[in-house]
């Protein structure tokens, strides 16, 4: 019995000693390399306590190989992504995991020294070049050293290409930068695998030596390449023809580190043709300046200091403003959301002309059905654009509005999306997109007004006034007495006279009225709001809550409830369609 108690105390002490400090909290998943729908690598939060043996995952859940080790005075330590490390490798101890708006940082102890793995995915809305580059940084820092000899090792494999067995690899030296490129042999443009990874681009892995490090590379089987590093602390430079499951690896010898030393890697995925818009290829914005992956990743590494400086300032600003607005819990959510929001989008220009004045943003409906620029996905995304750079509201609406103005969409309400499967934004000329007439018509008008208000510009909205008026007219007729239809709240299914939809229609009408000083539309929106709230059409008798549907008779014998989040736009934009009591 005493032995069991002693073992219990020892186990508790060991758990306490190995406990990870999560700052500010442990999220469901940490963004590692998250820049667009096809560069989207994450580390699930529950995996962090076993970080050394855990693989990152693509957003859809499949594993991505990213093996990281450090060698300290001849002893190798696994840091991340080595479920079956070579013989003689010890596990480093994870002490802290932290996230900000742009960084995910993991701190580990490897023997007597501290090692940080800093994953930086820049978010730079106003710097279109920086924002469009499809790469993320990994900086490995050795600290609290006292002259120990330190080497760092990182590898990836063809899991980043979306398939196995048809991979072509290329190893290149460009100045001081070593670059590996992995691509799928014979992949068709715009093809992807069953788990939403692109097949037609290139996985790119690169690094360059610091002022005090020596860089070596190698490719081959994971067992042989990793074992060589464990034994020697360097790699051979041998890059044979790629075989299935091979790794491509870059090691850096930091030498004897007296206090602190760092090396930086780039991981990315490039696509020459990023999006198919109505049969025309759109390229990533950076393509106007950097014509190939090697020159682009070289610039990306050159830009590290400036990107890091901007990111640090942004992290602090977002955290402070969010906390001062609604407290630490709110700030924790906002900071975690930033990379996720921008990581669903591609900033593009025409691939044929590379005209940087013809900008469009394409947004993938991730974790759903993969639609392109879904209007009721743009709507809940717009607040971050509204705050960070309102031009993004216009940029993401531009491909939708241009398609609608071709006349190829045959219906009198706003389209749900401009393509069933990203990255093919080919429209719905047959009119058979998912039908959300009131939802999307109200969304488009509110979004257009939000852009105009935040940008203090009427040029864009005036150029599309006729289109917007058609959707406002639709809401005049169909915004209060509506047929059974879907809303963005798919869980309710199609219903007639949904309260939340009627609220959106009323706010959409006042938004149109505010955009163009059309008081008659504003008055209709206000009248709808008056009926819904003041006259209790869509509330219970005591006005304690809104109903799911109106009138009350549609709700059966029991009163229903609705979370009327569509009041948010009314409040944010100061439209005052509904009284504050609502």
Protein backbone atom coordinates (compact mmCIF):
# COMPACT_ATOMS: atom_id res chain seq x y z
CA UNK A 1 0.00 0.00 0.00
CA UNK A 2 2.83 2.39 0.89
CA UNK A 3 4.50 1.53 -2.43
CA UNK A 4 1.31 2.33 -4.34
CA UNK A 5 0.98 5.65 -2.50
CA UNK A 6 4.61 6.44 -3.24
CA UNK A 7 4.11 5.60 -6.91
CA UNK A 8 1.01 7.79 -6.99
CA UNK A 9 2.89 10.74 -5.49
CA UNK A 10 5.75 10.19 -7.96
CA UNK A 11 3.37 10.10 -10.92
CA UNK A 12 1.62 13.28 -9.79
CA UNK A 13 4.98 14.98 -9.34
CA UNK A 14 6.05 13.86 -12.83
CA UNK A 15 2.82 15.14 -14.36
CA UNK A 16 3.26 18.48 -12.61
CA UNK A 17 6.87 18.68 -13.77
CA UNK A 18 5.88 17.93 -17.38
CA UNK A 19 2.76 20.12 -17.45
CA UNK A 20 2.56 22.51 -20.39
CA UNK A 21 1.81 26.17 -19.70
CA UNK A 22 -0.71 27.35 -22.32
CA UNK A 23 -0.66 31.08 -23.04
CA UNK A 24 -3.27 32.53 -23.06
CA UNK A 25 -5.09 29.15 -23.17
CA UNK A 26 -5.09 25.82 -24.98
CA UNK A 27 -7.02 26.31 -28.25
CA UNK A 28 -8.66 23.56 -30.29
CA UNK A 29 -5.81 23.90 -32.79
CA UNK A 30 -2.72 26.06 -33.30
CA UNK A 31 -2.17 27.66 -36.73
CA UNK A 32 1.33 26.73 -37.92
CA UNK A 33 1.50 27.58 -41.63
CA UNK A 34 -1.83 29.17 -42.55
CA UNK A 35 -1.82 31.55 -45.52
CA UNK A 36 -4.48 30.36 -48.00
CA UNK A 37 -6.87 27.42 -48.51
CA UNK A 38 -4.03 25.18 -49.71
CA UNK A 39 -1.34 26.20 -47.22
CA UNK A 40 -3.20 25.41 -44.03
CA UNK A 41 -1.19 23.40 -41.48
CA UNK A 42 -2.34 23.14 -37.87
CA UNK A 43 -1.33 21.44 -34.63
CA UNK A 44 -4.35 20.21 -32.63
CA UNK A 45 -4.26 21.66 -29.12
CA UNK A 46 -4.52 18.30 -27.32
CA UNK A 47 -1.46 17.08 -29.26
CA UNK A 48 0.87 19.72 -27.85
CA UNK A 49 1.65 17.84 -24.65
CA UNK A 50 3.08 15.16 -26.96
CA UNK A 51 4.45 17.63 -29.51
CA UNK A 52 7.66 15.74 -30.14
CA UNK A 53 5.74 12.76 -31.58
CA UNK A 54 2.78 14.63 -33.15
CA UNK A 55 2.35 15.45 -36.82
CA UNK A 56 0.76 18.71 -37.95
CA UNK A 57 -2.47 18.36 -39.89
CA UNK A 58 -3.97 19.95 -42.95
CA UNK A 59 -7.21 21.74 -42.06
CA UNK A 60 -9.25 18.72 -43.24
CA UNK A 61 -7.49 16.45 -40.73
CA UNK A 62 -4.86 14.52 -42.70
CA UNK A 63 -1.30 14.36 -41.35
CA UNK A 64 1.50 16.47 -42.81
CA UNK A 65 5.09 15.38 -42.26
CA UNK A 66 7.17 18.01 -40.50
CA UNK A 67 10.03 16.52 -38.54
CA UNK A 68 12.12 18.79 -36.30
CA UNK A 69 15.13 17.83 -34.21
CA UNK A 70 17.95 19.58 -32.37
CA UNK A 71 21.34 18.17 -31.47
CA UNK A 72 23.01 19.50 -28.32
CA UNK A 73 26.62 18.52 -27.62
CA UNK A 74 26.12 15.40 -29.70
CA UNK A 75 22.81 14.34 -28.16
CA UNK A 76 19.80 14.51 -30.52
CA UNK A 77 16.37 15.57 -29.26
CA UNK A 78 13.04 15.28 -31.04
CA UNK A 79 11.14 18.59 -31.00
CA UNK A 80 8.11 18.04 -33.24
CA UNK A 81 6.63 15.46 -35.56
CA UNK A 82 8.74 12.36 -34.89
CA UNK A 83 6.43 9.53 -33.76
CA UNK A 84 9.24 7.01 -34.52
CA UNK A 85 12.55 8.83 -34.04
CA UNK A 86 15.92 7.22 -34.86
CA UNK A 87 17.72 5.27 -32.19
CA UNK A 88 19.40 7.36 -29.54
CA UNK A 89 17.05 10.34 -29.89
CA UNK A 90 15.63 11.70 -26.66
CA UNK A 91 12.37 13.64 -26.39
CA UNK A 92 12.62 17.30 -25.52
CA UNK A 93 10.20 18.50 -22.84
CA UNK A 94 7.45 20.91 -23.89
CA UNK A 95 7.18 23.70 -21.32
CA UNK A 96 5.01 26.36 -22.98
CA UNK A 97 2.67 26.85 -25.94
CA UNK A 98 1.62 30.36 -26.90
CA UNK A 99 -0.36 31.93 -29.68
CA UNK A 100 -0.88 35.52 -30.83
CA UNK A 101 -2.66 36.84 -33.91
CA UNK A 102 0.22 35.83 -36.19
CA UNK A 103 2.51 33.53 -34.15
CA UNK A 104 2.32 30.07 -32.61
CA UNK A 105 5.33 29.48 -30.36
CA UNK A 106 6.31 26.26 -28.62
CA UNK A 107 9.03 26.29 -25.95
CA UNK A 108 10.93 23.12 -25.14
CA UNK A 109 13.85 22.01 -22.97
CA UNK A 110 16.51 19.95 -24.72
CA UNK A 111 19.01 18.96 -22.08
CA UNK A 112 20.16 22.16 -20.45
CA UNK A 113 19.11 24.57 -23.19
CA UNK A 114 15.81 26.14 -24.19
CA UNK A 115 14.55 25.84 -27.76
CA UNK A 116 11.68 27.80 -29.29
CA UNK A 117 9.78 26.85 -32.41
CA UNK A 118 8.17 30.04 -33.69
CA UNK A 119 5.65 29.60 -36.52
CA UNK A 120 4.84 32.98 -38.10
CA UNK A 121 2.11 33.34 -40.72
CA UNK A 122 2.12 37.06 -41.55
CA UNK A 123 -1.17 38.90 -41.81
CA UNK A 124 -0.57 42.12 -43.71
CA UNK A 125 -3.82 43.27 -45.34
CA UNK A 126 -2.51 46.59 -46.63
CA UNK A 127 0.70 45.10 -48.04
CA UNK A 128 -0.69 43.07 -50.91
CA UNK A 129 2.68 41.57 -51.83
CA UNK A 130 3.39 40.30 -48.33
CA UNK A 131 -0.18 39.11 -47.84
CA UNK A 132 -0.25 37.14 -51.09
CA UNK A 133 3.03 35.24 -50.63
CA UNK A 134 2.05 31.60 -50.00
CA UNK A 135 4.71 30.86 -47.38
CA UNK A 136 5.06 30.76 -43.61
CA UNK A 137 8.12 31.12 -41.40
CA UNK A 138 9.53 28.66 -38.89
CA UNK A 139 12.23 30.15 -36.70
CA UNK A 140 14.15 27.85 -34.38
CA UNK A 141 15.93 29.57 -31.51
CA UNK A 142 18.40 28.05 -29.06
CA UNK A 143 18.68 30.04 -25.83
CA UNK A 144 20.05 29.88 -22.28
CA UNK A 145 23.14 28.25 -23.66
CA UNK A 146 26.63 28.28 -22.24
CA UNK A 147 28.78 27.34 -25.21
CA UNK A 148 26.99 24.12 -26.15
CA UNK A 149 27.32 22.91 -29.72
CA UNK A 150 23.87 23.07 -31.37
CA UNK A 151 22.54 21.78 -34.69
CA UNK A 152 18.96 22.05 -36.00
CA UNK A 153 17.19 19.75 -38.43
CA UNK A 154 13.86 20.16 -40.28
CA UNK A 155 12.27 17.98 -42.97
CA UNK A 156 9.02 17.66 -44.94
CA UNK A 157 7.74 15.09 -47.45
CA UNK A 158 5.22 14.63 -50.24
CA UNK A 159 2.26 14.76 -47.84
CA UNK A 160 2.36 18.51 -48.52
CA UNK A 161 1.59 17.79 -52.21
CA UNK A 162 -1.66 15.98 -51.44
CA UNK A 163 -0.66 12.51 -52.69
CA UNK A 164 1.99 9.80 -52.51
CA UNK A 165 3.90 8.01 -55.23
CA UNK A 166 3.80 10.48 -58.14
CA UNK A 167 6.13 13.14 -56.74
CA UNK A 168 8.84 15.01 -58.62
CA UNK A 169 11.46 16.73 -56.47
CA UNK A 170 13.87 19.50 -57.32
CA UNK A 171 16.74 20.77 -55.17
CA UNK A 172 18.09 24.21 -56.02
CA UNK A 173 20.69 26.61 -54.63
CA UNK A 174 19.86 30.26 -55.23
CA UNK A 175 22.59 32.43 -53.75
CA UNK A 176 22.74 31.41 -50.11
CA UNK A 177 19.22 29.95 -50.18
CA UNK A 178 18.65 26.21 -50.50
CA UNK A 179 15.23 25.32 -51.92
CA UNK A 180 13.37 22.03 -52.30
CA UNK A 181 10.30 21.90 -54.55
CA UNK A 182 7.89 18.95 -54.54
CA UNK A 183 5.16 18.60 -57.17
CA UNK A 184 2.74 15.98 -58.51
CA UNK A 185 3.66 14.52 -61.88
CA UNK A 186 0.91 15.08 -64.46
CA UNK A 187 -1.60 16.80 -62.15
CA UNK A 188 -4.27 18.77 -63.98
CA UNK A 189 -4.72 22.46 -63.25
CA UNK A 190 -7.24 23.15 -60.47
CA UNK A 191 -7.34 19.50 -59.37
CA UNK A 192 -7.37 18.56 -55.71
CA UNK A 193 -7.54 15.35 -53.70
CA UNK A 194 -10.56 14.05 -51.81
CA UNK A 195 -9.38 15.91 -48.69
CA UNK A 196 -9.23 19.34 -50.40
CA UNK A 197 -5.44 19.59 -50.90
CA UNK A 198 -4.33 21.13 -54.19
CA UNK A 199 -2.48 18.81 -56.58
CA UNK A 200 -1.40 21.22 -59.31
CA UNK A 201 1.11 23.36 -57.42
CA UNK A 202 4.44 22.98 -55.65
CA UNK A 203 5.31 22.43 -52.02
CA UNK A 204 8.29 24.67 -51.29
CA UNK A 205 10.77 24.23 -48.43
CA UNK A 206 13.70 26.61 -48.08
CA UNK A 207 16.27 28.09 -45.73
CA UNK A 208 19.53 29.99 -45.75
CA UNK A 209 22.37 30.07 -43.21
CA UNK A 210 22.50 32.79 -40.59
CA UNK A 211 25.66 34.82 -40.09
CA UNK A 212 27.01 32.14 -37.78
CA UNK A 213 25.52 28.87 -39.07
CA UNK A 214 26.42 26.32 -41.74
CA UNK A 215 23.67 24.78 -43.84
CA UNK A 216 23.53 21.28 -45.32
CA UNK A 217 20.78 19.43 -47.21
CA UNK A 218 19.79 15.92 -48.17
CA UNK A 219 16.83 13.91 -49.42
CA UNK A 220 16.04 10.22 -49.15
CA UNK A 221 14.26 7.84 -46.83
CA UNK A 222 13.25 9.37 -43.50
CA UNK A 223 15.15 6.71 -41.57
CA UNK A 224 18.46 7.23 -43.38
CA UNK A 225 18.39 11.04 -43.56
CA UNK A 226 17.32 11.51 -39.96
CA UNK A 227 19.81 8.93 -38.69
CA UNK A 228 22.69 10.68 -40.45
CA UNK A 229 21.81 13.94 -38.71
CA UNK A 230 21.56 12.19 -35.36
CA UNK A 231 25.03 10.72 -35.87
CA UNK A 232 26.85 13.64 -37.46
CA UNK A 233 24.84 16.83 -36.96
CA UNK A 234 25.12 17.50 -40.70
CA UNK A 235 23.68 16.15 -43.95
CA UNK A 236 25.44 14.76 -47.02
CA UNK A 237 24.08 16.98 -49.79
CA UNK A 238 22.91 13.85 -51.66
CA UNK A 239 19.55 14.34 -53.44
CA UNK A 240 18.65 11.19 -55.40
CA UNK A 241 15.51 10.76 -57.49
CA UNK A 242 12.51 11.07 -55.22
CA UNK A 243 10.89 7.85 -53.99
CA UNK A 244 7.53 7.56 -52.22
CA UNK A 245 7.62 8.80 -48.62
CA UNK A 246 11.12 10.30 -48.94
CA UNK A 247 11.89 13.41 -46.94
CA UNK A 248 13.71 16.54 -48.04
CA UNK A 249 15.76 17.95 -45.19
CA UNK A 250 17.72 21.06 -44.28
CA UNK A 251 20.08 21.10 -41.29
CA UNK A 252 21.81 24.10 -39.75
CA UNK A 253 24.94 23.89 -37.60
CA UNK A 254 24.84 26.82 -35.18
CA UNK A 255 28.27 25.97 -33.74
CA UNK A 256 29.01 26.75 -30.10
CA UNK A 257 26.21 28.98 -28.88
CA UNK A 258 27.23 31.34 -26.10
CA UNK A 259 23.77 32.77 -25.38
CA UNK A 260 21.17 32.76 -28.20
CA UNK A 261 21.12 31.77 -31.87
CA UNK A 262 18.31 31.44 -34.44
CA UNK A 263 17.74 30.08 -37.92
CA UNK A 264 14.67 30.56 -40.11
CA UNK A 265 12.95 28.23 -42.58
CA UNK A 266 10.19 28.87 -45.13
CA UNK A 267 7.40 26.39 -45.86
CA UNK A 268 4.84 27.06 -48.59
CA UNK A 269 2.70 25.94 -51.48
CA UNK A 270 2.67 27.83 -54.79
CA UNK A 271 0.17 27.63 -57.68
CA UNK A 272 0.88 29.37 -60.98
CA UNK A 273 -2.85 29.51 -61.68
CA UNK A 274 -4.51 30.16 -58.33
CA UNK A 275 -8.22 30.48 -59.25
CA UNK A 276 -10.38 29.85 -62.31
CA UNK A 277 -12.68 32.87 -62.62
CA UNK A 278 -15.31 32.46 -65.33
CA UNK A 279 -12.82 30.51 -67.46
CA UNK A 280 -9.93 32.94 -66.95
CA UNK A 281 -6.93 32.09 -64.78
CA UNK A 282 -6.18 34.33 -61.82
CA UNK A 283 -2.66 34.36 -60.34
CA UNK A 284 -1.57 35.27 -56.83
CA UNK A 285 -0.78 38.98 -56.51
CA UNK A 286 2.92 38.38 -55.86
CA UNK A 287 3.29 36.92 -59.38
CA UNK A 288 3.45 40.43 -60.82
CA UNK A 289 6.79 40.91 -59.06
CA UNK A 290 8.16 37.38 -58.61
CA UNK A 291 7.62 35.09 -61.57
CA UNK A 292 8.65 31.78 -59.99
CA UNK A 293 8.68 30.00 -56.64
CA UNK A 294 12.43 30.40 -56.08
CA UNK A 295 12.51 34.18 -56.49
CA UNK A 296 9.33 34.47 -54.40
CA UNK A 297 10.69 32.42 -51.48
CA UNK A 298 13.98 34.31 -51.65
CA UNK A 299 12.08 37.57 -51.23
CA UNK A 300 10.02 36.01 -48.45
CA UNK A 301 13.17 35.18 -46.49
CA UNK A 302 14.60 38.65 -47.23
CA UNK A 303 11.39 40.14 -45.81
CA UNK A 304 11.52 38.29 -42.50
CA UNK A 305 12.69 41.17 -40.29
CA UNK A 306 10.07 43.58 -41.63
CA UNK A 307 7.31 40.97 -41.52
CA UNK A 308 8.21 40.08 -37.94
CA UNK A 309 8.25 43.73 -36.88
CA UNK A 310 4.84 44.38 -38.41
CA UNK A 311 3.41 41.19 -36.92
CA UNK A 312 4.63 41.99 -33.41
CA UNK A 313 3.03 45.42 -33.51
CA UNK A 314 -0.20 43.98 -34.91
CA UNK A 315 -0.31 41.23 -32.28
CA UNK A 316 -0.03 43.76 -29.47
CA UNK A 317 -2.56 46.12 -31.02
CA UNK A 318 -5.21 43.44 -31.60
CA UNK A 319 -4.77 41.91 -28.18
CA UNK A 320 -4.98 45.25 -26.38
CA UNK A 321 -7.98 46.54 -28.31
CA UNK A 322 -9.92 43.31 -28.01
CA UNK A 323 -9.22 43.05 -24.27
CA UNK A 324 -10.20 46.66 -23.66
CA UNK A 325 -13.43 46.12 -25.61
CA UNK A 326 -14.73 42.96 -23.96
CA UNK A 327 -12.08 41.45 -21.71
CA UNK A 328 -9.45 38.73 -21.87
CA UNK A 329 -11.79 35.92 -22.96
CA UNK A 330 -12.86 37.93 -25.98
CA UNK A 331 -9.26 38.81 -26.79
CA UNK A 332 -8.31 35.12 -26.65
CA UNK A 333 -10.90 34.35 -29.33
CA UNK A 334 -10.13 37.33 -31.55
CA UNK A 335 -6.38 36.70 -31.61
CA UNK A 336 -6.90 33.06 -32.53
CA UNK A 337 -9.29 34.01 -35.35
CA UNK A 338 -7.05 36.33 -37.34
CA UNK A 339 -4.95 33.78 -39.25
CA UNK A 340 -8.00 31.57 -39.72
CA UNK A 341 -9.94 34.38 -41.42
CA UNK A 342 -7.18 35.47 -43.78
CA UNK A 343 -6.02 31.90 -44.35
CA UNK A 344 -9.24 31.08 -46.21
CA UNK A 345 -8.54 33.55 -49.02
CA UNK A 346 -6.42 34.12 -52.14
CA UNK A 347 -5.52 37.65 -53.29
CA UNK A 348 -5.37 37.51 -57.08
CA UNK A 349 -4.72 39.36 -60.35
CA UNK A 350 -5.29 38.23 -63.97
CA UNK A 351 -2.72 35.56 -64.89
CA UNK A 352 -2.40 36.79 -68.48
CA UNK A 353 -1.80 40.50 -67.85
CA UNK A 354 -0.63 40.47 -64.22
CA UNK A 355 -2.46 43.79 -63.91
CA UNK A 356 -2.17 44.74 -60.23
CA UNK A 357 -5.04 47.21 -60.52
CA UNK A 358 -7.44 44.34 -61.27
CA UNK A 359 -7.52 42.83 -57.78
CA UNK A 360 -9.96 40.18 -56.58
CA UNK A 361 -10.13 38.24 -53.35
CA UNK A 362 -11.45 34.69 -53.44
CA UNK A 363 -12.72 33.05 -50.26
CA UNK A 364 -13.17 29.32 -49.81
CA UNK A 365 -16.06 27.98 -47.76
CA UNK A 366 -13.81 25.75 -45.64
CA UNK A 367 -15.13 22.89 -43.49
CA UNK A 368 -18.36 22.88 -45.47
CA UNK A 369 -18.86 22.23 -49.18
CA UNK A 370 -16.00 24.25 -50.63
CA UNK A 371 -18.06 26.91 -52.41
CA UNK A 372 -16.36 30.02 -53.78
CA UNK A 373 -17.17 33.46 -52.35
CA UNK A 374 -20.29 32.28 -50.57
CA UNK A 375 -22.10 35.52 -49.73
CA UNK A 376 -23.33 34.32 -46.33
CA UNK A 377 -19.75 33.28 -45.49
CA UNK A 378 -18.40 36.66 -46.59
CA UNK A 379 -20.95 38.28 -44.28
CA UNK A 380 -19.65 36.83 -40.97
CA UNK A 381 -16.10 37.40 -42.22
CA UNK A 382 -16.54 41.09 -42.96
CA UNK A 383 -16.06 42.50 -39.42
CA UNK A 384 -12.35 41.64 -39.43
CA UNK A 385 -11.96 43.22 -42.86
CA UNK A 386 -13.96 46.23 -41.67
CA UNK A 387 -11.43 46.81 -38.89
CA UNK A 388 -8.17 45.67 -40.51
CA UNK A 389 -8.58 47.00 -44.07
CA UNK A 390 -12.06 47.65 -45.51
CA UNK A 391 -10.77 47.37 -49.09
CA UNK A 392 -10.98 43.62 -48.58
CA UNK A 393 -14.78 43.87 -48.40
CA UNK A 394 -14.77 45.37 -51.88
CA UNK A 395 -12.14 42.92 -53.15
CA UNK A 396 -14.12 39.87 -52.03
CA UNK A 397 -17.41 41.25 -53.41
CA UNK A 398 -15.88 42.29 -56.74
CA UNK A 399 -15.96 38.84 -58.40
CA UNK A 400 -19.53 38.32 -57.17
CA UNK A 401 -20.77 41.67 -58.45
CA UNK A 402 -18.99 41.34 -61.80
CA UNK A 403 -20.61 37.97 -62.39
CA UNK A 404 -24.06 39.23 -61.42
CA UNK A 405 -23.70 42.18 -63.80
CA UNK A 406 -23.03 39.85 -66.74
CA UNK A 407 -26.70 38.85 -66.54
CA UNK A 408 -25.78 35.16 -66.57
CA UNK A 409 -27.44 34.60 -63.17
CA UNK A 410 -31.12 34.33 -64.12
CA UNK A 411 -32.81 34.98 -60.76
CA UNK A 412 -34.02 38.24 -59.22
CA UNK A 413 -32.21 37.70 -55.91
CA UNK A 414 -28.54 37.64 -55.04
CA UNK A 415 -26.59 34.47 -55.80
CA UNK A 416 -25.45 32.21 -52.93
CA UNK A 417 -21.91 31.64 -54.31
CA UNK A 418 -19.99 31.94 -57.59
CA UNK A 419 -18.72 28.37 -57.78
CA UNK A 420 -19.60 25.00 -56.30
CA UNK A 421 -16.01 23.87 -55.74
CA UNK A 422 -12.99 26.07 -55.01
CA UNK A 423 -10.96 27.21 -56.92
CA UNK A 424 -13.46 27.07 -59.81
CA UNK A 425 -15.44 30.32 -59.72
CA UNK A 426 -17.44 29.52 -62.84
CA UNK A 427 -20.82 30.87 -61.75
CA UNK A 428 -24.25 29.26 -61.86
CA UNK A 429 -25.71 30.17 -65.23
CA UNK A 430 -28.42 27.57 -64.72
CA UNK A 431 -29.69 29.40 -61.62
CA UNK A 432 -29.27 26.29 -59.47
CA UNK A 433 -27.01 27.58 -56.72
CA UNK A 434 -28.22 26.98 -53.17
CA UNK A 435 -31.33 29.13 -52.76
CA UNK A 436 -31.16 31.74 -49.99
CA UNK A 437 -32.93 34.69 -51.62
CA UNK A 438 -33.54 36.99 -48.64
CA UNK A 439 -30.35 35.99 -46.84
CA UNK A 440 -27.99 36.79 -49.69
CA UNK A 441 -29.82 39.86 -50.98
CA UNK A 442 -29.75 41.43 -47.52
CA UNK A 443 -26.12 40.40 -47.05
CA UNK A 444 -24.95 42.04 -50.27
CA UNK A 445 -26.59 45.37 -49.46
CA UNK A 446 -25.26 45.44 -45.90
CA UNK A 447 -21.76 44.49 -47.06
CA UNK A 448 -21.74 47.16 -49.75
CA UNK A 449 -22.77 49.80 -47.23
CA UNK A 450 -20.19 48.54 -44.72
CA UNK A 451 -17.46 49.00 -47.31
CA UNK A 452 -18.62 52.48 -48.26
CA UNK A 453 -18.89 53.57 -44.64
CA UNK A 454 -15.54 52.16 -43.52
CA UNK A 455 -13.64 53.37 -46.59
CA UNK A 456 -15.43 56.72 -46.69
CA UNK A 457 -15.83 56.24 -50.43
CA UNK A 458 -18.89 56.04 -52.68
CA UNK A 459 -17.12 55.41 -55.99
CA UNK A 460 -17.51 51.63 -56.00
CA UNK A 461 -21.09 51.49 -54.74
CA UNK A 462 -22.18 54.17 -57.21
CA UNK A 463 -20.79 52.12 -60.09
CA UNK A 464 -23.07 49.24 -59.09
CA UNK A 465 -26.15 51.17 -57.99
CA UNK A 466 -28.49 49.62 -60.53
CA UNK A 467 -27.56 46.09 -59.42
CA UNK A 468 -28.01 46.92 -55.74
CA UNK A 469 -31.36 48.60 -56.36
CA UNK A 470 -32.69 45.45 -57.99
CA UNK A 471 -31.94 43.47 -54.82
CA UNK A 472 -33.39 46.20 -52.63
CA UNK A 473 -36.58 46.01 -54.67
CA UNK A 474 -36.62 42.26 -54.15
CA UNK A 475 -36.50 42.80 -50.38
CA UNK A 476 -39.30 45.36 -50.53
CA UNK A 477 -41.57 42.69 -51.96
CA UNK A 478 -40.23 39.59 -50.24
CA UNK A 479 -38.51 40.74 -47.07
CA UNK A 480 -41.48 40.57 -44.69
CA UNK A 481 -43.90 38.06 -46.20
CA UNK A 482 -41.41 35.45 -47.32
CA UNK A 483 -41.83 31.98 -48.74
CA UNK A 484 -40.23 28.96 -47.10
CA UNK A 485 -36.47 29.15 -47.68
CA UNK A 486 -33.06 28.51 -46.18
CA UNK A 487 -31.01 30.97 -44.20
CA UNK A 488 -27.37 30.89 -43.13
CA UNK A 489 -28.61 29.04 -40.04
CA UNK A 490 -28.84 25.72 -41.88
CA UNK A 491 -29.88 23.88 -38.74
CA UNK A 492 -33.42 25.27 -38.88
CA UNK A 493 -33.99 23.99 -42.40
CA UNK A 494 -36.24 25.88 -44.83
CA UNK A 495 -38.99 27.85 -43.07
CA UNK A 496 -41.35 30.67 -44.08
CA UNK A 497 -41.32 34.03 -42.29
CA UNK A 498 -38.10 33.52 -40.36
CA UNK A 499 -37.61 36.34 -37.87
CA UNK A 500 -33.84 36.55 -38.32
CA UNK A 501 -34.22 36.74 -42.10
CA UNK A 502 -36.85 39.48 -41.82
CA UNK A 503 -34.44 41.44 -39.61
CA UNK A 504 -31.73 41.07 -42.25
CA UNK A 505 -34.11 42.28 -44.95
CA UNK A 506 -35.11 45.33 -42.92
CA UNK A 507 -31.47 46.21 -42.22
CA UNK A 508 -30.59 45.60 -45.88
CA UNK A 509 -33.25 48.10 -46.94
CA UNK A 510 -32.04 50.80 -44.55
CA UNK A 511 -28.48 50.10 -45.70
CA UNK A 512 -29.49 50.70 -49.31
CA UNK A 513 -31.34 53.85 -48.28
CA UNK A 514 -28.26 55.12 -46.42
CA UNK A 515 -25.95 54.31 -49.36
CA UNK A 516 -27.86 56.32 -51.90
CA UNK A 517 -29.90 58.72 -49.77
CA UNK A 518 -33.09 56.92 -50.79
CA UNK A 519 -35.39 57.72 -47.88
CA UNK A 520 -38.27 55.67 -49.27
CA UNK A 521 -36.24 52.45 -48.91
CA UNK A 522 -35.16 53.50 -45.43
CA UNK A 523 -38.80 54.10 -44.48
CA UNK A 524 -39.81 50.65 -45.71
CA UNK A 525 -37.04 49.07 -43.68
CA UNK A 526 -38.11 51.01 -40.61
CA UNK A 527 -41.73 50.00 -41.16
CA UNK A 528 -40.73 46.32 -41.33
CA UNK A 529 -38.76 46.72 -38.11
CA UNK A 530 -41.71 48.44 -36.45
CA UNK A 531 -44.00 45.54 -37.33
CA UNK A 532 -41.50 42.90 -36.25
CA UNK A 533 -40.61 44.46 -32.90
CA UNK A 534 -42.84 47.31 -31.78
CA UNK A 535 -46.02 45.59 -32.98
CA UNK A 536 -44.77 42.23 -31.65
CA UNK A 537 -45.21 40.43 -34.97
CA UNK A 538 -41.99 38.49 -34.34
CA UNK A 539 -41.74 38.59 -30.54
CA UNK A 540 -43.57 37.01 -27.68
CA UNK A 541 -46.34 39.11 -26.17
CA UNK A 542 -44.13 40.58 -23.44
CA UNK A 543 -41.27 41.32 -25.86
CA UNK A 544 -38.82 39.24 -23.84
CA UNK A 545 -37.47 37.49 -26.91
CA UNK A 546 -37.77 37.09 -30.66
CA UNK A 547 -39.56 34.08 -32.14
CA UNK A 548 -38.06 31.69 -34.67
CA UNK A 549 -40.96 32.43 -37.04
CA UNK A 550 -43.90 34.78 -37.13
CA UNK A 551 -46.74 35.08 -36.51
CA UNK A 552 -46.99 33.22 -33.20
CA UNK A 553 -49.36 30.65 -34.73
CA UNK A 554 -46.50 29.23 -36.83
CA UNK A 555 -44.61 28.30 -33.67
CA UNK A 556 -47.15 25.76 -32.39
CA UNK A 557 -48.30 25.53 -28.79
CA UNK A 558 -44.84 26.33 -27.38
CA UNK A 559 -43.02 29.60 -27.77
CA UNK A 560 -39.88 29.41 -29.90
CA UNK A 561 -36.73 31.47 -29.57
CA UNK A 562 -34.35 32.99 -32.09
CA UNK A 563 -30.83 34.30 -31.59
CA UNK A 564 -31.18 37.33 -33.83
CA UNK A 565 -27.55 37.87 -34.76
CA UNK A 566 -28.64 39.82 -37.82
CA UNK A 567 -29.12 42.82 -35.52
CA UNK A 568 -25.31 43.04 -35.40
CA UNK A 569 -24.95 44.84 -38.72
CA UNK A 570 -27.61 47.35 -37.71
CA UNK A 571 -25.70 48.17 -34.55
CA UNK A 572 -22.20 48.20 -36.08
CA UNK A 573 -23.18 50.46 -38.96
CA UNK A 574 -25.33 52.83 -36.89
CA UNK A 575 -28.39 52.33 -39.09
CA UNK A 576 -30.85 52.33 -36.16
CA UNK A 577 -33.33 50.19 -38.02
CA UNK A 578 -34.39 48.63 -34.72
CA UNK A 579 -34.58 50.36 -31.33
CA UNK A 580 -31.81 49.64 -28.85
CA UNK A 581 -34.25 47.62 -26.74
CA UNK A 582 -34.47 45.06 -29.55
